[in-house]
C-alpha atoms as a PDB file:
ATOM      1  CA  UNK A   1       0.109  -0.068   0.010  1.00  0.00           C
ATOM      2  CA  UNK A   2       1.512   3.416  -1.030  1.00  0.00           C
ATOM      3  CA  UNK A   3       2.203   5.629   1.651  1.00  0.00           C
ATOM      4  CA  UNK A   4       0.528   8.851  -0.052  1.00  0.00           C
ATOM      5  CA  UNK A   5      -2.822   6.638  -0.571  1.00  0.00           C
ATOM      6  CA  UNK A   6      -2.963   6.117   3.331  1.00  0.00           C
ATOM      7  CA  UNK A   7      -2.318   9.832   3.748  1.00  0.00           C
ATOM      8  CA  UNK A   8      -5.061  10.814   1.394  1.00  0.00           C
ATOM      9  CA  UNK A   9      -7.719   8.247   2.917  1.00  0.00           C
ATOM     10  CA  UNK A  10      -6.752   9.756   6.086  1.00  0.00           C
ATOM     11  CA  UNK A  11      -7.203  13.486   5.156  1.00  0.00           C
ATOM     12  CA  UNK A  12     -10.470  12.983   3.375  1.00  0.00           C
ATOM     13  CA  UNK A  13     -11.967  11.114   6.361  1.00  0.00           C
ATOM     14  CA  UNK A  14     -10.637  13.674   8.879  1.00  0.00           C
ATOM     15  CA  UNK A  15     -11.374  16.793   6.503  1.00  0.00           C
ATOM     16  CA  UNK A  16     -15.015  14.988   5.698  1.00  0.00           C
ATOM     17  CA  UNK A  17     -15.868  14.929   9.663  1.00  0.00           C
ATOM     18  CA  UNK A  18     -14.453  18.323  10.126  1.00  0.00           C
ATOM     19  CA  UNK A  19     -16.649  19.900   7.502  1.00  0.00           C
ATOM     20  CA  UNK A  20     -19.934  17.712   8.448  1.00  0.00           C
ATOM     21  CA  UNK A  21     -19.358  18.744  12.014  1.00  0.00           C
ATOM     22  CA  UNK A  22     -19.170  22.243  11.179  1.00  0.00           C
ATOM     23  CA  UNK A  23     -22.052  22.083   9.047  1.00  0.00           C
ATOM     24  CA  UNK A  24     -23.986  20.623  11.634  1.00  0.00           C
ATOM     25  CA  UNK A  25     -23.091  22.972  14.183  1.00  0.00           C
ATOM     26  CA  UNK A  26     -24.303  25.872  11.966  1.00  0.00           C
ATOM     27  CA  UNK A  27     -27.535  24.121  11.528  1.00  0.00           C
ATOM     28  CA  UNK A  28     -28.132  23.744  15.177  1.00  0.00           C
ATOM     29  CA  UNK A  29     -27.319  27.397  15.627  1.00  0.00           C
ATOM     30  CA  UNK A  30     -30.082  28.147  12.991  1.00  0.00           C
ATOM     31  CA  UNK A  31     -32.399  25.966  14.675  1.00  0.00           C
ATOM     32  CA  UNK A  32     -32.156  27.788  17.741  1.00  0.00           C
ATOM     33  CA  UNK A  33     -32.454  31.133  15.868  1.00  0.00           C
ATOM     34  CA  UNK A  34     -35.668  30.079  14.585  1.00  0.00           C
ATOM     35  CA  UNK A  35     -37.062  28.745  17.718  1.00  0.00           C
ATOM     36  CA  UNK A  36     -36.084  31.963  19.594  1.00  0.00           C
ATOM     37  CA  UNK A  37     -37.895  33.852  16.716  1.00  0.00           C
ATOM     38  CA  UNK A  38     -40.763  31.605  16.894  1.00  0.00           C
ATOM     39  CA  UNK A  39     -41.350  31.892  20.738  1.00  0.00           C
ATOM     40  CA  UNK A  40     -40.903  35.818  20.857  1.00  0.00           C
ATOM     41  CA  UNK A  41     -43.575  36.221  18.384  1.00  0.00           C
ATOM     42  CA  UNK A  42     -45.710  33.824  20.141  1.00  0.00           C
ATOM     43  CA  UNK A  43     -45.225  35.825  23.562  1.00  0.00           C
ATOM     44  CA  UNK A  44     -45.451  39.005  21.876  1.00  0.00           C
ATOM     45  CA  UNK A  45     -48.950  38.324  20.554  1.00  0.00           C
ATOM     46  CA  UNK A  46     -49.883  37.078  23.913  1.00  0.00           C
ATOM     47  CA  UNK A  47     -48.152  39.583  26.451  1.00  0.00           C
ATOM     48  CA  UNK A  48     -46.910  42.587  24.033  1.00  0.00           C
ATOM     49  CA  UNK A  49     -49.246  45.068  25.354  1.00  0.00           C
ATOM     50  CA  UNK A  50     -48.444  44.114  28.847  1.00  0.00           C
ATOM     51  CA  UNK A  51     -44.628  44.767  28.126  1.00  0.00           C
ATOM     52  CA  UNK A  52     -45.238  47.965  26.311  1.00  0.00           C
ATOM     53  CA  UNK A  53     -46.831  50.515  28.937  1.00  0.00           C
ATOM     54  CA  UNK A  54     -46.815  54.295  29.400  1.00  0.00           C
ATOM     55  CA  UNK A  55     -44.060  53.870  32.308  1.00  0.00           C
ATOM     56  CA  UNK A  56     -41.824  51.285  30.383  1.00  0.00           C
ATOM     57  CA  UNK A  57     -41.419  53.824  27.517  1.00  0.00           C
ATOM     58  CA  UNK A  58     -41.007  56.884  29.760  1.00  0.00           C
ATOM     59  CA  UNK A  59     -38.095  54.773  31.849  1.00  0.00           C
ATOM     60  CA  UNK A  60     -36.454  53.645  28.715  1.00  0.00           C
ATOM     61  CA  UNK A  61     -36.479  57.185  27.025  1.00  0.00           C
ATOM     62  CA  UNK A  62     -35.149  58.730  30.314  1.00  0.00           C
ATOM     63  CA  UNK A  63     -32.582  56.336  30.485  1.00  0.00           C
ATOM     64  CA  UNK A  64     -31.499  56.809  26.738  1.00  0.00           C
ATOM     65  CA  UNK A  65     -31.268  60.475  27.119  1.00  0.00           C
ATOM     66  CA  UNK A  66     -29.107  60.041  30.405  1.00  0.00           C
ATOM     67  CA  UNK A  67     -26.712  57.516  28.650  1.00  0.00           C
ATOM     68  CA  UNK A  68     -24.214  58.231  26.062  1.00  0.00           C
ATOM     69  CA  UNK A  69     -24.614  54.929  24.600  1.00  0.00           C
ATOM     70  CA  UNK A  70     -27.759  52.862  23.299  1.00  0.00           C
ATOM     71  CA  UNK A  71     -29.674  51.654  25.747  1.00  0.00           C
ATOM     72  CA  UNK A  72     -31.500  48.141  25.902  1.00  0.00           C
ATOM     73  CA  UNK A  73     -33.473  46.423  28.599  1.00  0.00           C
ATOM     74  CA  UNK A  74     -33.855  42.752  29.694  1.00  0.00           C
ATOM     75  CA  UNK A  75     -36.639  40.658  30.340  1.00  0.00           C
ATOM     76  CA  UNK A  76     -37.133  37.483  31.892  1.00  0.00           C
ATOM     77  CA  UNK A  77     -40.741  36.066  31.032  1.00  0.00           C
ATOM     78  CA  UNK A  78     -42.079  32.454  31.892  1.00  0.00           C
ATOM     79  CA  UNK A  79     -44.417  32.548  29.211  1.00  0.00           C
ATOM     80  CA  UNK A  80     -41.587  32.948  26.754  1.00  0.00           C
ATOM     81  CA  UNK A  81     -39.386  30.533  28.109  1.00  0.00           C
ATOM     82  CA  UNK A  82     -42.117  27.726  28.142  1.00  0.00           C
ATOM     83  CA  UNK A  83     -43.078  28.602  24.677  1.00  0.00           C
ATOM     84  CA  UNK A  84     -39.488  27.221  23.667  1.00  0.00           C
ATOM     85  CA  UNK A  85     -39.740  23.801  22.459  1.00  0.00           C
ATOM     86  CA  UNK A  86     -35.838  23.177  22.987  1.00  0.00           C
ATOM     87  CA  UNK A  87     -35.643  22.270  26.839  1.00  0.00           C
ATOM     88  CA  UNK A  88     -32.151  23.178  27.141  1.00  0.00           C
ATOM     89  CA  UNK A  89     -32.788  26.857  26.103  1.00  0.00           C
ATOM     90  CA  UNK A  90     -35.441  27.621  28.699  1.00  0.00           C
ATOM     91  CA  UNK A  91     -33.104  28.383  31.393  1.00  0.00           C
ATOM     92  CA  UNK A  92     -30.563  30.405  28.992  1.00  0.00           C
ATOM     93  CA  UNK A  93     -33.108  32.561  27.337  1.00  0.00           C
ATOM     94  CA  UNK A  94     -34.096  36.294  27.784  1.00  0.00           C
ATOM     95  CA  UNK A  95     -35.514  39.092  26.021  1.00  0.00           C
ATOM     96  CA  UNK A  96     -33.969  42.423  25.227  1.00  0.00           C
ATOM     97  CA  UNK A  97     -36.195  45.496  24.302  1.00  0.00           C
ATOM     98  CA  UNK A  98     -35.381  48.865  23.620  1.00  0.00           C
ATOM     99  CA  UNK A  99     -37.580  51.899  22.801  1.00  0.00           C
ATOM    100  CA  UNK A 100     -36.646  53.640  19.452  1.00  0.00           C
ATOM    101  CA  UNK A 101     -37.296  57.152  18.100  1.00  0.00           C
ATOM    102  CA  UNK A 102     -38.158  57.622  14.875  1.00  0.00           C
ATOM    103  CA  UNK A 103     -35.191  57.504  12.389  1.00  0.00           C
ATOM    104  CA  UNK A 104     -33.067  55.390  14.558  1.00  0.00           C
ATOM    105  CA  UNK A 105     -32.076  51.703  13.327  1.00  0.00           C
ATOM    106  CA  UNK A 106     -32.670  48.846  15.532  1.00  0.00           C
ATOM    107  CA  UNK A 107     -29.464  47.477  15.284  1.00  0.00           C
ATOM    108  CA  UNK A 108     -27.900  50.618  16.771  1.00  0.00           C
ATOM    109  CA  UNK A 109     -29.176  49.836  20.174  1.00  0.00           C
ATOM    110  CA  UNK A 110     -28.195  46.057  20.282  1.00  0.00           C
ATOM    111  CA  UNK A 111     -24.654  45.292  22.209  1.00  0.00           C
ATOM    112  CA  UNK A 112     -22.706  42.187  21.096  1.00  0.00           C
ATOM    113  CA  UNK A 113     -24.587  39.616  23.237  1.00  0.00           C
ATOM    114  CA  UNK A 114     -22.840  36.393  24.041  1.00  0.00           C
ATOM    115  CA  UNK A 115     -24.653  33.055  22.879  1.00  0.00           C
ATOM    116  CA  UNK A 116     -27.061  33.251  20.059  1.00  0.00           C
ATOM    117  CA  UNK A 117     -29.566  35.970  19.307  1.00  0.00           C
ATOM    118  CA  UNK A 118     -32.614  35.799  17.049  1.00  0.00           C
ATOM    119  CA  UNK A 119     -33.811  38.611  14.605  1.00  0.00           C
ATOM    120  CA  UNK A 120     -35.409  41.927  15.698  1.00  0.00           C
ATOM    121  CA  UNK A 121     -39.107  42.349  16.066  1.00  0.00           C
ATOM    122  CA  UNK A 122     -40.733  45.902  15.968  1.00  0.00           C
ATOM    123  CA  UNK A 123     -43.928  46.597  17.650  1.00  0.00           C
ATOM    124  CA  UNK A 124     -45.574  49.816  17.395  1.00  0.00           C
ATOM    125  CA  UNK A 125     -48.912  49.861  18.605  1.00  0.00           C
ATOM    126  CA  UNK A 126     -51.104  51.638  21.306  1.00  0.00           C
ATOM    127  CA  UNK A 127     -49.067  53.586  23.629  1.00  0.00           C
ATOM    128  CA  UNK A 128     -45.888  53.317  21.342  1.00  0.00           C
ATOM    129  CA  UNK A 129     -47.715  54.853  18.418  1.00  0.00           C
ATOM    130  CA  UNK A 130     -49.011  57.839  20.496  1.00  0.00           C
ATOM    131  CA  UNK A 131     -45.573  59.028  21.764  1.00  0.00           C
ATOM    132  CA  UNK A 132     -44.244  58.346  18.098  1.00  0.00           C
ATOM    133  CA  UNK A 133     -41.881  55.630  18.879  1.00  0.00           C
ATOM    134  CA  UNK A 134     -41.229  52.058  18.219  1.00  0.00           C
ATOM    135  CA  UNK A 135     -40.253  49.170  20.531  1.00  0.00           C
ATOM    136  CA  UNK A 136     -37.441  46.455  19.096  1.00  0.00           C
ATOM    137  CA  UNK A 137     -37.754  43.080  20.838  1.00  0.00           C
ATOM    138  CA  UNK A 138     -35.216  40.600  20.176  1.00  0.00           C
ATOM    139  CA  UNK A 139     -34.864  37.128  21.896  1.00  0.00           C
ATOM    140  CA  UNK A 140     -31.369  35.891  23.316  1.00  0.00           C
ATOM    141  CA  UNK A 141     -30.230  32.367  24.311  1.00  0.00           C
ATOM    142  CA  UNK A 142     -27.025  32.527  26.456  1.00  0.00           C
ATOM    143  CA  UNK A 143     -25.529  29.505  25.025  1.00  0.00           C
ATOM    144  CA  UNK A 144     -22.035  28.476  24.779  1.00  0.00           C
ATOM    145  CA  UNK A 145     -20.162  26.837  22.065  1.00  0.00           C
ATOM    146  CA  UNK A 146     -20.369  23.587  23.994  1.00  0.00           C
ATOM    147  CA  UNK A 147     -24.279  23.841  24.561  1.00  0.00           C
ATOM    148  CA  UNK A 148     -24.832  24.539  20.788  1.00  0.00           C
ATOM    149  CA  UNK A 149     -22.575  21.612  19.868  1.00  0.00           C
ATOM    150  CA  UNK A 150     -24.537  19.221  22.142  1.00  0.00           C
ATOM    151  CA  UNK A 151     -27.710  20.156  20.397  1.00  0.00           C
ATOM    152  CA  UNK A 152     -26.312  19.290  16.925  1.00  0.00           C
ATOM    153  CA  UNK A 153     -26.294  15.974  15.526  1.00  0.00           C
ATOM    154  CA  UNK A 154     -22.875  15.084  15.437  1.00  0.00           C
ATOM    155  CA  UNK A 155     -23.084  11.282  15.013  1.00  0.00           C
ATOM    156  CA  UNK A 156     -21.697  11.276  11.276  1.00  0.00           C
ATOM    157  CA  UNK A 157     -18.670  13.660  12.245  1.00  0.00           C
ATOM    158  CA  UNK A 158     -18.016  11.019  15.198  1.00  0.00           C
ATOM    159  CA  UNK A 159     -18.537   8.196  12.910  1.00  0.00           C
ATOM    160  CA  UNK A 160     -15.881   9.868  10.277  1.00  0.00           C
ATOM    161  CA  UNK A 161     -13.246  10.762  12.991  1.00  0.00           C
ATOM    162  CA  UNK A 162     -13.447   7.544  14.539  1.00  0.00           C
ATOM    163  CA  UNK A 163     -13.048   5.579  10.912  1.00  0.00           C
ATOM    164  CA  UNK A 164      -9.987   8.309  10.248  1.00  0.00           C
ATOM    165  CA  UNK A 165      -8.437   7.086  13.813  1.00  0.00           C
ATOM    166  CA  UNK A 166      -8.983   3.365  12.806  1.00  0.00           C
ATOM    167  CA  UNK A 167      -7.391   4.075   9.680  1.00  0.00           C
ATOM    168  CA  UNK A 168      -4.238   5.411  10.935  1.00  0.00           C
ATOM    169  CA  UNK A 169      -3.995   2.631  13.473  1.00  0.00           C
ATOM    170  CA  UNK A 170      -4.471   0.263  10.664  1.00  0.00           C
ATOM    171  CA  UNK A 171      -2.052   1.819   8.261  1.00  0.00           C
ATOM    172  CA  UNK A 172       0.633   1.952  11.210  1.00  0.00           C
ATOM    173  CA  UNK A 173       0.107  -1.556  11.948  1.00  0.00           C
ATOM    174  CA  UNK A 174       0.216  -2.569   8.478  1.00  0.00           C
ATOM    175  CA  UNK A 175       3.367  -0.781   7.979  1.00  0.00           C
ATOM    176  CA  UNK A 176       5.244  -2.057  11.049  1.00  0.00           C
ATOM    177  CA  UNK A 177       4.195  -5.692  10.355  1.00  0.00           C
ATOM    178  CA  UNK A 178       5.430  -5.445   6.867  1.00  0.00           C
ATOM    179  CA  UNK A 179       2.256  -7.443   5.659  1.00  0.00           C
ATOM    180  CA  UNK A 180       2.897  -6.675   2.056  1.00  0.00           C
ATOM    181  CA  UNK A 181       5.949  -8.512   0.791  1.00  0.00           C
ATOM    182  CA  UNK A 182       7.802  -6.457  -1.579  1.00  0.00           C
ATOM    183  CA  UNK A 183       8.877  -8.428  -4.687  1.00  0.00           C
ATOM    184  CA  UNK A 184      12.203  -7.288  -5.864  1.00  0.00           C
ATOM    185  CA  UNK A 185      12.269  -9.585  -8.768  1.00  0.00           C
ATOM    186  CA  UNK A 186      11.404 -12.941  -9.789  1.00  0.00           C
ATOM    187  CA  UNK A 187      12.105 -15.472  -7.242  1.00  0.00           C
ATOM    188  CA  UNK A 188      13.022 -12.901  -4.594  1.00  0.00           C
ATOM    189  CA  UNK A 189      11.000 -11.242  -2.009  1.00  0.00           C
ATOM    190  CA  UNK A 190      11.585  -9.340   1.477  1.00  0.00           C
ATOM    191  CA  UNK A 191       9.955  -8.494   4.912  1.00  0.00           C
ATOM    192  CA  UNK A 192      11.660  -5.564   6.631  1.00  0.00           C
ATOM    193  CA  UNK A 193      15.579  -5.823   5.490  1.00  0.00           C
ATOM    194  CA  UNK A 194      15.469  -9.630   5.334  1.00  0.00           C
ATOM    195  CA  UNK A 195      15.340 -11.003   1.749  1.00  0.00           C
ATOM    196  CA  UNK A 196      14.588 -14.513   0.862  1.00  0.00           C
ATOM    197  CA  UNK A 197      15.847 -15.937  -2.528  1.00  0.00           C
ATOM    198  CA  UNK A 198      13.260 -18.703  -3.283  1.00  0.00           C
ATOM    199  CA  UNK A 199      15.399 -20.897  -5.747  1.00  0.00           C
ATOM    200  CA  UNK A 200      18.101 -21.331  -3.395  1.00  0.00           C
ATOM    201  CA  UNK A 201      16.110 -21.224  -0.174  1.00  0.00           C
ATOM    202  CA  UNK A 202      18.445 -18.530   1.237  1.00  0.00           C
ATOM    203  CA  UNK A 203      18.185 -15.327   3.344  1.00  0.00           C
ATOM    204  CA  UNK A 204      20.101 -12.392   3.049  1.00  0.00           C
ATOM    205  CA  UNK A 205      20.132  -9.328   5.452  1.00  0.00           C
ATOM    206  CA  UNK A 206      20.753  -5.592   4.107  1.00  0.00           C
ATOM    207  CA  UNK A 207      24.392  -6.016   3.431  1.00  0.00           C
ATOM    208  CA  UNK A 208      23.475  -9.056   1.173  1.00  0.00           C
ATOM    209  CA  UNK A 209      25.124 -11.286   3.673  1.00  0.00           C
ATOM    210  CA  UNK A 210      23.607 -14.869   4.031  1.00  0.00           C
ATOM    211  CA  UNK A 211      21.979 -15.200   7.438  1.00  0.00           C
ATOM    212  CA  UNK A 212      22.408 -18.778   8.544  1.00  0.00           C
ATOM    213  CA  UNK A 213      19.409 -20.883  10.069  1.00  0.00           C
ATOM    214  CA  UNK A 214      19.202 -24.261  10.980  1.00  0.00           C
ATOM    215  CA  UNK A 215      17.162 -26.771   8.929  1.00  0.00           C
ATOM    216  CA  UNK A 216      14.247 -26.133  11.414  1.00  0.00           C
ATOM    217  CA  UNK A 217      14.734 -22.572  11.669  1.00  0.00           C
ATOM    218  CA  UNK A 218      14.762 -22.211   7.797  1.00  0.00           C
ATOM    219  CA  UNK A 219      11.438 -24.076   7.479  1.00  0.00           C
ATOM    220  CA  UNK A 220       9.801 -21.943   9.900  1.00  0.00           C
ATOM    221  CA  UNK A 221      11.272 -18.568   8.642  1.00  0.00           C
ATOM    222  CA  UNK A 222       9.799 -19.930   5.149  1.00  0.00           C
ATOM    223  CA  UNK A 223       6.475 -20.661   6.649  1.00  0.00           C
ATOM    224  CA  UNK A 224       6.399 -16.864   8.204  1.00  0.00           C
ATOM    225  CA  UNK A 225       7.247 -15.454   4.531  1.00  0.00           C
ATOM    226  CA  UNK A 226       4.473 -17.265   2.924  1.00  0.00           C
ATOM    227  CA  UNK A 227       1.636 -16.822   5.427  1.00  0.00           C
ATOM    228  CA  UNK A 228      -0.861 -14.145   5.021  1.00  0.00           C
ATOM    229  CA  UNK A 229       0.397 -11.095   7.397  1.00  0.00           C
ATOM    230  CA  UNK A 230       3.435 -13.163   8.335  1.00  0.00           C
ATOM    231  CA  UNK A 231       1.354 -14.571  11.210  1.00  0.00           C
ATOM    232  CA  UNK A 232       1.214 -18.445  11.916  1.00  0.00           C
ATOM    233  CA  UNK A 233      -1.132 -20.163  14.790  1.00  0.00           C
ATOM    234  CA  UNK A 234       0.738 -22.371  17.168  1.00  0.00           C
ATOM    235  CA  UNK A 235      -1.050 -25.368  16.192  1.00  0.00           C
ATOM    236  CA  UNK A 236      -0.207 -24.881  12.445  1.00  0.00           C
ATOM    237  CA  UNK A 237       3.320 -24.720  13.061  1.00  0.00           C
ATOM    238  CA  UNK A 238       3.273 -27.877  15.184  1.00  0.00           C
ATOM    239  CA  UNK A 239       1.313 -29.726  12.495  1.00  0.00           C
ATOM    240  CA  UNK A 240       3.574 -28.610   9.764  1.00  0.00           C
ATOM    241  CA  UNK A 241       6.784 -29.386  11.665  1.00  0.00           C
ATOM    242  CA  UNK A 242       6.363 -32.179  14.031  1.00  0.00           C
ATOM    243  CA  UNK A 243       2.976 -34.051  12.349  1.00  0.00           C
ATOM    244  CA  UNK A 244       3.390 -36.995  14.543  1.00  0.00           C
ATOM    245  CA  UNK A 245       4.139 -35.398  17.864  1.00  0.00           C
ATOM    246  CA  UNK A 246       1.266 -35.206  20.477  1.00  0.00           C
ATOM    247  CA  UNK A 247       2.719 -32.287  22.064  1.00  0.00           C
ATOM    248  CA  UNK A 248       5.065 -30.064  20.812  1.00  0.00           C
ATOM    249  CA  UNK A 249       4.291 -26.929  22.538  1.00  0.00           C
ATOM    250  CA  UNK A 250       8.217 -27.302  24.697  1.00  0.00           C
ATOM    251  CA  UNK A 251       9.899 -27.958  21.296  1.00  0.00           C
ATOM    252  CA  UNK A 252       8.258 -25.078  19.714  1.00  0.00           C
ATOM    253  CA  UNK A 253       8.687 -22.622  22.514  1.00  0.00           C
ATOM    254  CA  UNK A 254      12.775 -23.906  22.186  1.00  0.00           C
ATOM    255  CA  UNK A 255      12.966 -23.324  18.596  1.00  0.00           C
ATOM    256  CA  UNK A 256      11.158 -19.769  18.543  1.00  0.00           C
ATOM    257  CA  UNK A 257      13.467 -18.683  21.533  1.00  0.00           C
ATOM    258  CA  UNK A 258      16.737 -19.339  19.570  1.00  0.00           C
ATOM    259  CA  UNK A 259      15.170 -18.371  16.086  1.00  0.00           C
ATOM    260  CA  UNK A 260      14.243 -14.882  17.749  1.00  0.00           C
ATOM    261  CA  UNK A 261      17.701 -14.331  18.785  1.00  0.00           C
ATOM    262  CA  UNK A 262      19.170 -15.055  15.066  1.00  0.00           C
ATOM    263  CA  UNK A 263      16.426 -12.572  13.591  1.00  0.00           C
ATOM    264  CA  UNK A 264      16.950 -10.096  15.817  1.00  0.00           C
ATOM    265  CA  UNK A 265      20.760  -9.933  15.685  1.00  0.00           C
ATOM    266  CA  UNK A 266      20.788  -9.922  11.856  1.00  0.00           C
ATOM    267  CA  UNK A 267      17.759  -8.055  10.818  1.00  0.00           C
ATOM    268  CA  UNK A 268      15.031  -5.195  11.761  1.00  0.00           C
ATOM    269  CA  UNK A 269      12.681  -7.965  12.487  1.00  0.00           C
ATOM    270  CA  UNK A 270      11.449  -9.504  15.451  1.00  0.00           C
ATOM    271  CA  UNK A 271       8.913 -12.401  16.217  1.00  0.00           C
ATOM    272  CA  UNK A 272       5.929 -11.516  18.333  1.00  0.00           C
ATOM    273  CA  UNK A 273       3.794 -13.925  20.411  1.00  0.00           C
ATOM    274  CA  UNK A 274       0.130 -13.228  20.323  1.00  0.00           C
ATOM    275  CA  UNK A 275      -1.304 -14.494  23.736  1.00  0.00           C
ATOM    276  CA  UNK A 276       0.760 -18.026  23.351  1.00  0.00           C
ATOM    277  CA  UNK A 277      -1.694 -19.159  20.364  1.00  0.00           C
ATOM    278  CA  UNK A 278      -0.079 -17.455  17.542  1.00  0.00           C
ATOM    279  CA  UNK A 279       3.528 -15.836  16.245  1.00  0.00           C
ATOM    280  CA  UNK A 280       3.739 -12.981  13.967  1.00  0.00           C
ATOM    281  CA  UNK A 281       7.151 -11.930  12.116  1.00  0.00           C
ATOM    282  CA  UNK A 282       7.324  -7.858  12.674  1.00  0.00           C
ATOM    283  CA  UNK A 283       9.329  -5.083  11.968  1.00  0.00           C
ATOM    284  CA  UNK A 284      10.994  -3.588  15.160  1.00  0.00           C
ATOM    285  CA  UNK A 285       9.490  -0.410  16.758  1.00  0.00           C
ATOM    286  CA  UNK A 286      11.163   2.463  15.462  1.00  0.00           C
ATOM    287  CA  UNK A 287      12.543   0.958  12.191  1.00  0.00           C
ATOM    288  CA  UNK A 288      11.041   1.383   8.869  1.00  0.00           C
ATOM    289  CA  UNK A 289      10.559  -1.068   6.120  1.00  0.00           C
END
């Protein structure tokens, strides 16, 4: 497997996870805005005339006259909170409102609020019309990034991210074990820096020097080279090397122990045991193939 292919797959999976996650986050934020707008319109239809009173308008205009910056009031209303269909927003939401003289834009009175804010709704009825002003309302939710993120659907992004991690782990493991036997030319193959000449049944190290094995060790090394993933079950080895022996566990252990020494001294490979049931020929940690 080519290195660039592994990198491309990993980058595509990770980028897809990030893009999908950002898209779902933006969608969740949009749903919050829509919900705030809906609840505000409903609350205004039910209680708007209670909020816009002569005293309210007078106090707001006095504060505005005394302040060098635009003044907006905050309102926590139970009916508005209960109108929100997203439970996580009910304890975090409030309404901001301001009295606008003719000619003033509603955007001039809003300060940058933390969290998520809905659209501005202008109300000009009853007392507000009599004093030639309008009242601007806006619903807000004091939502952190984490709150919005928790309300977004991140199943697909997490799945893609998990796949990217698994792919990276698989690629590293694949490279380390040297699973793919590189065919150098006809009749020759290698794992790590150990090369096997099929015709002469001879192993060579990276200096092209012959690595000498006993006949039994040579047989086992050939089996490792030819097996899928360079992995051999314990029972498979015993059956091939000692077909008539009832229990060859001790003999196999001795053979593996001595073979490990030869392999590790002459190559960048090692023989790794897997829970006593199998053995695998792998590239040593810290080496490359």
